[in-house]
C-alpha atoms as a PDB file:
ATOM      1  CA  MET A   1     100.252  70.176  85.577  1.00  0.00           C
ATOM      2  CA  PRO A   2     102.991  68.316  87.511  1.00  0.00           C
ATOM      3  CA  ASP A   3     102.852  68.577  91.299  1.00  0.00           C
ATOM      4  CA  LEU A   4     105.284  71.110  92.737  1.00  0.00           C
ATOM      5  CA  ILE A   5     106.357  68.747  95.540  1.00  0.00           C
ATOM      6  CA  LYS A   6     107.937  66.505  92.866  1.00  0.00           C
ATOM      7  CA  SER A   7     110.031  69.302  91.375  1.00  0.00           C
ATOM      8  CA  ARG A   8     113.683  69.748  92.245  1.00  0.00           C
ATOM      9  CA  SER A   9     114.141  72.885  90.159  1.00  0.00           C
ATOM     10  CA  LEU A  10     115.122  75.990  92.117  1.00  0.00           C
ATOM     11  CA  ASP A  11     113.605  78.268  89.471  1.00  0.00           C
ATOM     12  CA  THR A  12     110.262  76.454  89.649  1.00  0.00           C
ATOM     13  CA  TRP A  13     110.073  76.722  93.427  1.00  0.00           C
ATOM     14  CA  ASN A  14     111.143  80.383  93.319  1.00  0.00           C
ATOM     15  CA  LEU A  15     108.490  81.019  90.682  1.00  0.00           C
ATOM     16  CA  TYR A  16     105.712  79.799  92.962  1.00  0.00           C
ATOM     17  CA  LEU A  17     107.106  81.510  96.052  1.00  0.00           C
ATOM     18  CA  SER A  18     107.251  84.822  94.167  1.00  0.00           C
ATOM     19  CA  ALA A  19     103.612  84.258  93.136  1.00  0.00           C
ATOM     20  CA  TYR A  20     102.451  84.177  96.773  1.00  0.00           C
ATOM     21  CA  PRO A  21     101.384  87.875  96.870  1.00  0.00           C
ATOM     22  CA  ARG A  22      99.215  87.328  93.769  1.00  0.00           C
ATOM     23  CA  ALA A  23      97.783  84.157  95.282  1.00  0.00           C
ATOM     24  CA  LEU A  24      96.943  86.090  98.443  1.00  0.00           C
ATOM     25  CA  GLN A  25      95.164  88.767  96.406  1.00  0.00           C
ATOM     26  CA  ALA A  26      93.217  86.008  94.666  1.00  0.00           C
ATOM     27  CA  ARG A  27      92.275  84.544  98.045  1.00  0.00           C
ATOM     28  CA  LYS A  28      91.086  87.970  99.140  1.00  0.00           C
ATOM     29  CA  LEU A  29      88.677  87.978  96.197  1.00  0.00           C
ATOM     30  CA  GLU A  30      87.534  84.430  97.003  1.00  0.00           C
ATOM     31  CA  VAL A  31      86.445  85.400 100.532  1.00  0.00           C
ATOM     32  CA  SER A  32      85.087  88.858  99.652  1.00  0.00           C
ATOM     33  CA  SER A  33      81.517  87.587  99.314  1.00  0.00           C
ATOM     34  CA  ARG A  34      81.302  85.763 102.622  1.00  0.00           C
ATOM     35  CA  SER A  35      77.952  85.749 104.386  1.00  0.00           C
ATOM     36  CA  LYS A  36      76.836  88.323 106.926  1.00  0.00           C
ATOM     37  CA  GLN A  37      78.054  86.174 109.847  1.00  0.00           C
ATOM     38  CA  GLY A  38      81.549  85.929 108.404  1.00  0.00           C
ATOM     39  CA  LYS A  39      81.695  89.387 106.840  1.00  0.00           C
ATOM     40  CA  SER A  40      84.438  90.535 109.222  1.00  0.00           C
ATOM     41  CA  TYR A  41      86.595  87.861 107.548  1.00  0.00           C
ATOM     42  CA  ASN A  42      85.932  89.053 103.993  1.00  0.00           C
ATOM     43  CA  GLY A  43      89.557  89.853 103.213  1.00  0.00           C
ATOM     44  CA  ASP A  44      89.628  93.588 103.951  1.00  0.00           C
ATOM     45  CA  THR A  45      92.533  93.147 106.386  1.00  0.00           C
ATOM     46  CA  LEU A  46      94.091  90.012 104.879  1.00  0.00           C
ATOM     47  CA  ILE A  47      97.060  91.631 103.119  1.00  0.00           C
ATOM     48  CA  GLU A  48      97.932  93.804 106.120  1.00  0.00           C
ATOM     49  CA  GLU A  49      97.626  90.919 108.609  1.00  0.00           C
ATOM     50  CA  ASP A  50      99.637  88.603 106.397  1.00  0.00           C
ATOM     51  CA  GLU A  51     102.515  91.081 106.244  1.00  0.00           C
ATOM     52  CA  TRP A  52     102.340  91.512 110.022  1.00  0.00           C
ATOM     53  CA  LEU A  53     102.279  87.762 110.699  1.00  0.00           C
ATOM     54  CA  TRP A  54     105.271  86.818 108.570  1.00  0.00           C
ATOM     55  CA  ASN A  55     107.478  89.905 108.776  1.00  0.00           C
ATOM     56  CA  THR A  56     106.662  91.808 111.984  1.00  0.00           C
ATOM     57  CA  LEU A  57     105.377  89.436 114.672  1.00  0.00           C
ATOM     58  CA  PRO A  58     108.417  87.088 114.702  1.00  0.00           C
ATOM     59  CA  ASP A  59     110.798  89.940 115.536  1.00  0.00           C
ATOM     60  CA  ILE A  60     108.468  91.239 118.256  1.00  0.00           C
ATOM     61  CA  VAL A  61     108.210  87.823 119.900  1.00  0.00           C
ATOM     62  CA  LYS A  62     111.951  87.160 119.667  1.00  0.00           C
ATOM     63  CA  SER A  63     112.708  90.516 121.318  1.00  0.00           C
ATOM     64  CA  ARG A  64     110.939  89.457 124.531  1.00  0.00           C
ATOM     65  CA  GLU A  65     112.549  87.645 127.420  1.00  0.00           C
ATOM     66  CA  PRO A  66     111.236  85.045 127.676  1.00  0.00           C
ATOM     67  CA  MET A  67     109.723  84.798 124.194  1.00  0.00           C
ATOM     68  CA  HIS A  68     105.921  84.778 124.237  1.00  0.00           C
ATOM     69  CA  MET A  69     102.774  86.177 122.602  1.00  0.00           C
ATOM     70  CA  THR A  70     100.035  88.362 124.049  1.00  0.00           C
ATOM     71  CA  GLN A  71      96.284  87.808 123.967  1.00  0.00           C
ATOM     72  CA  GLU A  72      95.916  90.666 121.467  1.00  0.00           C
ATOM     73  CA  GLU A  73      98.448  89.030 119.145  1.00  0.00           C
ATOM     74  CA  LEU A  74      96.702  85.665 119.474  1.00  0.00           C
ATOM     75  CA  SER A  75      93.390  87.286 118.518  1.00  0.00           C
ATOM     76  CA  LYS A  76      94.885  88.970 115.447  1.00  0.00           C
ATOM     77  CA  LEU A  77      96.612  85.757 114.444  1.00  0.00           C
ATOM     78  CA  LEU A  78      93.322  83.817 114.606  1.00  0.00           C
ATOM     79  CA  HIS A  79      91.595  86.507 112.542  1.00  0.00           C
ATOM     80  CA  TRP A  80      94.218  86.025 109.813  1.00  0.00           C
ATOM     81  CA  LYS A  81      93.820  82.236 109.969  1.00  0.00           C
ATOM     82  CA  LEU A  82      90.028  82.416 109.617  1.00  0.00           C
ATOM     83  CA  THR A  83      90.358  84.828 106.691  1.00  0.00           C
ATOM     84  CA  ARG A  84      93.063  83.148 104.624  1.00  0.00           C
ATOM     85  CA  GLY A  85      91.621  79.751 105.508  1.00  0.00           C
ATOM     86  CA  GLU A  86      88.068  78.606 106.178  1.00  0.00           C
ATOM     87  CA  TRP A  87      85.918  80.644 108.538  1.00  0.00           C
ATOM     88  CA  ARG A  88      84.476  78.655 111.457  1.00  0.00           C
ATOM     89  CA  ILE A  89      81.800  80.104 113.675  1.00  0.00           C
ATOM     90  CA  GLY A  90      82.677  80.493 117.350  1.00  0.00           C
ATOM     91  CA  LEU A  91      86.416  79.884 117.025  1.00  0.00           C
ATOM     92  CA  GLN A  92      87.406  83.553 117.266  1.00  0.00           C
ATOM     93  CA  SER A  93      85.327  84.147 120.389  1.00  0.00           C
ATOM     94  CA  LYS A  94      86.865  81.091 122.058  1.00  0.00           C
ATOM     95  CA  ALA A  95      90.382  82.314 121.316  1.00  0.00           C
ATOM     96  CA  ASP A  96      89.500  85.812 122.510  1.00  0.00           C
ATOM     97  CA  SER A  97      88.258  84.404 125.842  1.00  0.00           C
ATOM     98  CA  ASN A  98      91.773  83.354 126.876  1.00  0.00           C
ATOM     99  CA  PRO A  99      93.192  85.709 129.532  1.00  0.00           C
ATOM    100  CA  ASP A 100      96.476  87.383 128.683  1.00  0.00           C
ATOM    101  CA  SER A 101      98.320  85.594 131.506  1.00  0.00           C
ATOM    102  CA  LYS A 102      97.253  82.207 130.150  1.00  0.00           C
ATOM    103  CA  VAL A 103      98.325  83.094 126.605  1.00  0.00           C
ATOM    104  CA  LYS A 104     101.697  84.276 127.847  1.00  0.00           C
ATOM    105  CA  ALA A 105     102.294  81.112 129.906  1.00  0.00           C
ATOM    106  CA  ALA A 106     101.286  78.716 127.110  1.00  0.00           C
ATOM    107  CA  THR A 107     103.234  80.482 124.375  1.00  0.00           C
ATOM    108  CA  THR A 108     106.305  80.826 126.604  1.00  0.00           C
ATOM    109  CA  ARG A 109     106.460  77.030 126.895  1.00  0.00           C
ATOM    110  CA  CYS A 110     106.007  76.694 123.137  1.00  0.00           C
ATOM    111  CA  MET A 111     108.638  79.286 122.216  1.00  0.00           C
ATOM    112  CA  ALA A 112     111.182  77.672 124.535  1.00  0.00           C
ATOM    113  CA  LEU A 113     110.939  74.529 122.415  1.00  0.00           C
ATOM    114  CA  LEU A 114     111.260  76.458 119.146  1.00  0.00           C
ATOM    115  CA  ALA A 115     114.316  78.505 120.083  1.00  0.00           C
ATOM    116  CA  ASN A 116     117.836  77.640 118.926  1.00  0.00           C
ATOM    117  CA  GLU A 117     117.258  75.630 115.740  1.00  0.00           C
ATOM    118  CA  PRO A 118     114.649  73.096 116.906  1.00  0.00           C
ATOM    119  CA  ASP A 119     114.600  69.576 115.496  1.00  0.00           C
ATOM    120  CA  LEU A 120     111.495  67.713 114.338  1.00  0.00           C
ATOM    121  CA  ASP A 121     110.726  66.370 117.819  1.00  0.00           C
ATOM    122  CA  ASP A 122     110.824  69.899 119.278  1.00  0.00           C
ATOM    123  CA  ILE A 123     108.428  71.168 116.595  1.00  0.00           C
ATOM    124  CA  LEU A 124     105.980  68.299 117.105  1.00  0.00           C
ATOM    125  CA  ASP A 125     106.134  68.739 120.877  1.00  0.00           C
ATOM    126  CA  ALA A 126     105.451  72.488 120.624  1.00  0.00           C
ATOM    127  CA  VAL A 127     102.386  71.999 118.401  1.00  0.00           C
ATOM    128  CA  ASN A 128     101.151  69.189 120.635  1.00  0.00           C
ATOM    129  CA  GLN A 129     101.456  71.258 123.820  1.00  0.00           C
ATOM    130  CA  LEU A 130      99.642  74.260 122.370  1.00  0.00           C
ATOM    131  CA  SER A 131      96.753  72.196 121.036  1.00  0.00           C
ATOM    132  CA  LYS A 132      95.900  70.138 124.127  1.00  0.00           C
ATOM    133  CA  ASN A 133      92.235  71.153 124.198  1.00  0.00           C
ATOM    134  CA  GLY A 134      90.477  70.249 127.426  1.00  0.00           C
ATOM    135  CA  GLN A 135      93.592  70.371 129.565  1.00  0.00           C
ATOM    136  CA  PRO A 136      93.467  72.793 132.535  1.00  0.00           C
ATOM    137  CA  ASP A 137      96.216  75.021 131.145  1.00  0.00           C
ATOM    138  CA  SER A 138      95.272  74.738 127.454  1.00  0.00           C
ATOM    139  CA  LEU A 139      94.208  77.675 125.293  1.00  0.00           C
ATOM    140  CA  GLN A 140      90.589  77.783 124.168  1.00  0.00           C
ATOM    141  CA  GLY A 141      90.023  77.719 120.404  1.00  0.00           C
ATOM    142  CA  ILE A 142      93.551  76.547 119.609  1.00  0.00           C
ATOM    143  CA  GLY A 143      93.780  73.225 117.795  1.00  0.00           C
ATOM    144  CA  PRO A 144      96.782  71.778 115.946  1.00  0.00           C
ATOM    145  CA  VAL A 145      96.313  73.998 112.879  1.00  0.00           C
ATOM    146  CA  ALA A 146      96.096  77.195 114.928  1.00  0.00           C
ATOM    147  CA  ALA A 147      99.044  75.980 116.992  1.00  0.00           C
ATOM    148  CA  SER A 148     101.102  75.731 113.809  1.00  0.00           C
ATOM    149  CA  VAL A 149     100.402  79.419 113.149  1.00  0.00           C
ATOM    150  CA  LEU A 150     101.628  80.279 116.636  1.00  0.00           C
ATOM    151  CA  GLY A 151     104.868  78.589 115.676  1.00  0.00           C
ATOM    152  CA  THR A 152     105.517  80.962 112.783  1.00  0.00           C
ATOM    153  CA  VAL A 153     108.261  82.667 114.774  1.00  0.00           C
ATOM    154  CA  CYS A 154     110.275  79.593 113.756  1.00  0.00           C
ATOM    155  CA  THR A 155     110.871  79.292 110.010  1.00  0.00           C
ATOM    156  CA  GLN A 156     110.818  75.493 110.206  1.00  0.00           C
ATOM    157  CA  VAL A 157     107.243  75.268 111.490  1.00  0.00           C
ATOM    158  CA  PRO A 158     104.873  75.060 108.504  1.00  0.00           C
ATOM    159  CA  TYR A 159     101.428  76.607 108.730  1.00  0.00           C
ATOM    160  CA  LEU A 160      99.046  73.672 108.234  1.00  0.00           C
ATOM    161  CA  SER A 161      96.797  75.317 105.670  1.00  0.00           C
ATOM    162  CA  ASP A 162      94.285  73.276 103.679  1.00  0.00           C
ATOM    163  CA  GLU A 163      96.375  74.097 100.615  1.00  0.00           C
ATOM    164  CA  LEU A 164      99.515  72.627 102.181  1.00  0.00           C
ATOM    165  CA  ILE A 165      97.690  69.499 103.358  1.00  0.00           C
ATOM    166  CA  THR A 166      96.139  68.997  99.906  1.00  0.00           C
ATOM    167  CA  ALA A 167      99.400  69.647  98.034  1.00  0.00           C
ATOM    168  CA  THR A 168     101.206  67.034 100.129  1.00  0.00           C
ATOM    169  CA  ASN A 169      98.489  64.455  99.382  1.00  0.00           C
ATOM    170  CA  HIS A 170      97.187  64.131 102.931  1.00  0.00           C
ATOM    171  CA  PRO A 171      93.505  63.993 103.942  1.00  0.00           C
ATOM    172  CA  LEU A 172      91.921  67.172 105.277  1.00  0.00           C
ATOM    173  CA  LYS A 173      91.813  65.947 108.857  1.00  0.00           C
ATOM    174  CA  TYR A 174      92.863  68.061 111.817  1.00  0.00           C
ATOM    175  CA  THR A 175      93.610  65.652 114.648  1.00  0.00           C
ATOM    176  CA  ILE A 176      96.993  66.023 116.299  1.00  0.00           C
ATOM    177  CA  ALA A 177      98.064  62.685 114.764  1.00  0.00           C
ATOM    178  CA  ASP A 178      97.117  63.789 111.236  1.00  0.00           C
ATOM    179  CA  CYS A 179      98.772  67.170 111.657  1.00  0.00           C
ATOM    180  CA  LYS A 180     101.962  65.570 112.953  1.00  0.00           C
ATOM    181  CA  ARG A 181     102.109  63.430 109.814  1.00  0.00           C
ATOM    182  CA  VAL A 182     101.912  66.528 107.605  1.00  0.00           C
ATOM    183  CA  ILE A 183     104.572  68.360 109.627  1.00  0.00           C
ATOM    184  CA  THR A 184     106.864  65.327 109.383  1.00  0.00           C
ATOM    185  CA  PHE A 185     106.296  65.110 105.620  1.00  0.00           C
ATOM    186  CA  VAL A 186     107.139  68.796 105.154  1.00  0.00           C
ATOM    187  CA  HIS A 187     110.228  68.432 107.341  1.00  0.00           C
ATOM    188  CA  LYS A 188     111.515  65.630 105.089  1.00  0.00           C
ATOM    189  CA  LEU A 189     110.560  67.578 101.955  1.00  0.00           C
ATOM    190  CA  VAL A 190     112.577  70.570 103.146  1.00  0.00           C
ATOM    191  CA  GLN A 191     115.564  68.307 103.753  1.00  0.00           C
ATOM    192  CA  SER A 192     115.224  66.853 100.251  1.00  0.00           C
ATOM    193  CA  LEU A 193     114.949  70.305  98.660  1.00  0.00           C
ATOM    194  CA  ASN A 194     117.940  71.611 100.601  1.00  0.00           C
ATOM    195  CA  ALA A 195     120.011  68.613  99.491  1.00  0.00           C
ATOM    196  CA  LYS A 196     119.223  69.529  95.867  1.00  0.00           C
ATOM    197  CA  GLY A 197     120.335  73.137  96.310  1.00  0.00           C
ATOM    198  CA  ILE A 198     116.878  74.596  97.014  1.00  0.00           C
ATOM    199  CA  PRO A 199     117.368  76.524 100.303  1.00  0.00           C
ATOM    200  CA  PHE A 200     113.689  76.749 101.271  1.00  0.00           C
ATOM    201  CA  THR A 201     112.338  76.786 104.825  1.00  0.00           C
ATOM    202  CA  ALA A 202     109.104  75.075 105.866  1.00  0.00           C
ATOM    203  CA  LYS A 203     107.435  78.479 105.919  1.00  0.00           C
ATOM    204  CA  GLU A 204     108.496  79.182 102.314  1.00  0.00           C
ATOM    205  CA  VAL A 205     107.403  75.720 101.184  1.00  0.00           C
ATOM    206  CA  GLU A 206     103.894  76.407 102.528  1.00  0.00           C
ATOM    207  CA  LYS A 207     103.707  79.741 100.712  1.00  0.00           C
ATOM    208  CA  ALA A 208     104.835  78.214  97.412  1.00  0.00           C
ATOM    209  CA  LEU A 209     102.373  75.323  97.718  1.00  0.00           C
ATOM    210  CA  PHE A 210      99.596  77.758  98.644  1.00  0.00           C
ATOM    211  CA  ALA A 211     100.259  79.609  95.376  1.00  0.00           C
ATOM    212  CA  GLU A 212     100.252  76.316  93.468  1.00  0.00           C
ATOM    213  CA  GLN A 213      96.850  75.331  94.869  1.00  0.00           C
ATOM    214  CA  VAL A 214      95.380  78.758  94.082  1.00  0.00           C
ATOM    215  CA  GLU A 215      96.659  78.293  90.519  1.00  0.00           C
ATOM    216  CA  LYS A 216      94.984  74.875  90.354  1.00  0.00           C
ATOM    217  CA  ARG A 217      91.714  76.574  91.318  1.00  0.00           C
ATOM    218  CA  GLY A 218      92.153  78.720  88.211  1.00  0.00           C
ATOM    219  CA  ARG A 219      92.641  81.995  90.105  1.00  0.00           C
ATOM    220  CA  ILE A 220      96.170  82.825  88.899  1.00  0.00           C
ATOM    221  CA  ARG A 221      98.667  81.676  86.252  1.00  0.00           C
ATOM    222  CA  VAL A 222     102.165  80.862  87.455  1.00  0.00           C
ATOM    223  CA  LEU A 223     103.969  78.103  85.558  1.00  0.00           C
ATOM    224  CA  ALA A 224     102.693  79.088  82.102  1.00  0.00           C
ATOM    225  CA  GLU A 225     103.724  82.712  82.595  1.00  0.00           C
ATOM    226  CA  GLY A 226     107.108  81.614  83.933  1.00  0.00           C
ATOM    227  CA  LYS A 227     107.793  79.496  80.854  1.00  0.00           C
ATOM    228  CA  GLU A 228     106.705  82.307  78.555  1.00  0.00           C
ATOM    229  CA  GLY A 229     109.215  84.543  80.306  1.00  0.00           C
ATOM    230  CA  GLY A 230     111.975  81.947  80.070  1.00  0.00           C
ATOM    231  CA  LYS A 231     111.748  80.912  83.723  1.00  0.00           C
ATOM    232  CA  GLY A 232     110.592  77.849  85.589  1.00  0.00           C
ATOM    233  CA  HIS A 233     113.467  75.480  84.874  1.00  0.00           C
ATOM    234  CA  GLU A 234     116.901  76.071  86.252  1.00  0.00           C
ATOM    235  CA  GLU A 235     119.839  74.758  84.283  1.00  0.00           C
ATOM    236  CA  GLY A 236     120.765  71.429  85.815  1.00  0.00           C
ATOM    237  CA  GLY A 237     117.537  71.335  87.837  1.00  0.00           C
ATOM    238  CA  GLU A 238     115.373  68.263  87.964  1.00  0.00           C
ATOM    239  CA  ASP A 239     111.725  68.123  86.996  1.00  0.00           C
ATOM    240  CA  THR A 240     110.957  64.437  86.784  1.00  0.00           C
ATOM    241  CA  ASP A 241     107.783  64.824  84.791  1.00  0.00           C
ATOM    242  CA  ASP A 242     109.405  67.152  82.275  1.00  0.00           C
ATOM    243  CA  ASP A 243     112.410  64.834  81.868  1.00  0.00           C
ATOM    244  CA  SER A 244     110.210  61.823  81.201  1.00  0.00           C
ATOM    245  CA  THR A 245     108.162  63.833  78.707  1.00  0.00           C
ATOM    246  CA  ASN A 246     111.291  64.914  76.868  1.00  0.00           C
ATOM    247  CA  LYS A 247     112.582  61.329  76.794  1.00  0.00           C
ATOM    248  CA  THR A 248     109.315  60.043  75.355  1.00  0.00           C
ATOM    249  CA  THR A 249     109.339  62.742  72.687  1.00  0.00           C
ATOM    250  CA  SER A 250     112.946  61.946  71.768  1.00  0.00           C
ATOM    251  CA  ASP A 251     112.200  58.218  71.483  1.00  0.00           C
ATOM    252  CA  ASP A 252     109.210  58.905  69.223  1.00  0.00           C
ATOM    253  CA  GLU A 253     111.330  61.100  66.965  1.00  0.00           C
ATOM    254  CA  ASP A 254     114.044  58.418  66.693  1.00  0.00           C
ATOM    255  CA  GLU A 255     111.478  55.758  65.831  1.00  0.00           C
ATOM    256  CA  ALA A 256     109.985  58.005  63.152  1.00  0.00           C
ATOM    257  CA  LYS A 257     113.424  58.471  61.581  1.00  0.00           C
ATOM    258  CA  VAL A 258     113.986  54.697  61.493  1.00  0.00           C
ATOM    259  CA  GLU A 259     110.602  54.131  59.858  1.00  0.00           C
ATOM    260  CA  LYS A 260     111.395  56.808  57.272  1.00  0.00           C
ATOM    261  CA  LYS A 261     114.685  55.106  56.372  1.00  0.00           C
ATOM    262  CA  ARG A 262     112.925  51.747  56.071  1.00  0.00           C
ATOM    263  CA  GLY A 263     110.403  53.302  53.733  1.00  0.00           C
ATOM    264  CA  LYS A 264     113.137  54.712  51.503  1.00  0.00           C
ATOM    265  CA  LYS A 265     114.897  51.317  51.344  1.00  0.00           C
ATOM    266  CA  LYS A 266     111.647  49.555  50.400  1.00  0.00           C
ATOM    267  CA  GLN A 267     110.983  52.128  47.675  1.00  0.00           C
ATOM    268  CA  ALA A 268     114.527  51.751  46.265  1.00  0.00           C
ATOM    269  CA  SER A 269     114.192  47.949  46.219  1.00  0.00           C
ATOM    270  CA  SER A 270     110.850  48.211  44.424  1.00  0.00           C
ATOM    271  CA  ASP A 271     112.320  50.556  41.792  1.00  0.00           C
ATOM    272  CA  THR A 272     115.212  48.137  41.186  1.00  0.00           C
ATOM    273  CA  ARG A 273     112.829  45.221  40.596  1.00  0.00           C
ATOM    274  CA  LYS A 274     110.778  47.288  38.154  1.00  0.00           C
ATOM    275  CA  LYS A 275     113.893  48.198  36.143  1.00  0.00           C
ATOM    276  CA  SER A 276     115.033  44.567  35.972  1.00  0.00           C
ATOM    277  CA  ARG A 277     111.621  43.553  34.582  1.00  0.00           C
ATOM    278  CA  LYS A 278     111.926  46.148  31.854  1.00  0.00           C
END
């Protein structure tokens, strides 16, 4: 299966983005058997929280002056992260220990950087500021990955899920330096996709790559079903792996035709010699 990040076909990217709800359902099943300690993250609220995070929370935050999040919203956001991603003991309680005033102050600084079409430097600065663990004004339980979730009010801040990190061929490391490298990679990928007529945001890229990784785990079928339905390759789109496969097949067919003609000529020559001997 060719990697989605190499595709420049709008239909292929749309196919995986549209598969995100199915991938999320599959993830819900994956976490449904979590141990007693992590049972509150067994997926019961995953679909509801996911809808809230992507489609409700951004409008709520943007309606405030200045833009910020509350402690209750931070807690719910972390619950979603620990359910869709890997559950880590103690992280929720740390995040919940942050007083509301501290959450408001920290997220206000972050949102100020993400307002008005932020560039890459603004995005990196926002994630860096929110994840300064150990600093007097830092939020407890918020590292670079969690900070990227807090930035979801901006469509150009990718959530640094394990699936996204894996799909972009980066190591599963969560230092600020490693996370900045992934964010920078996604930023450039979005620019490349947009230049090829694929109007995806960083948020949509993460969702599509999440679906791809769930498919690679064998939980859903996306590309095969798309091809069966006549989708997956837009006219004029580029899928490098598919193009090279088609070229190889075409070359093989041409060579076979040449060999067939040579065989016919050899047979005709042999028949002529036999007749002359007679």
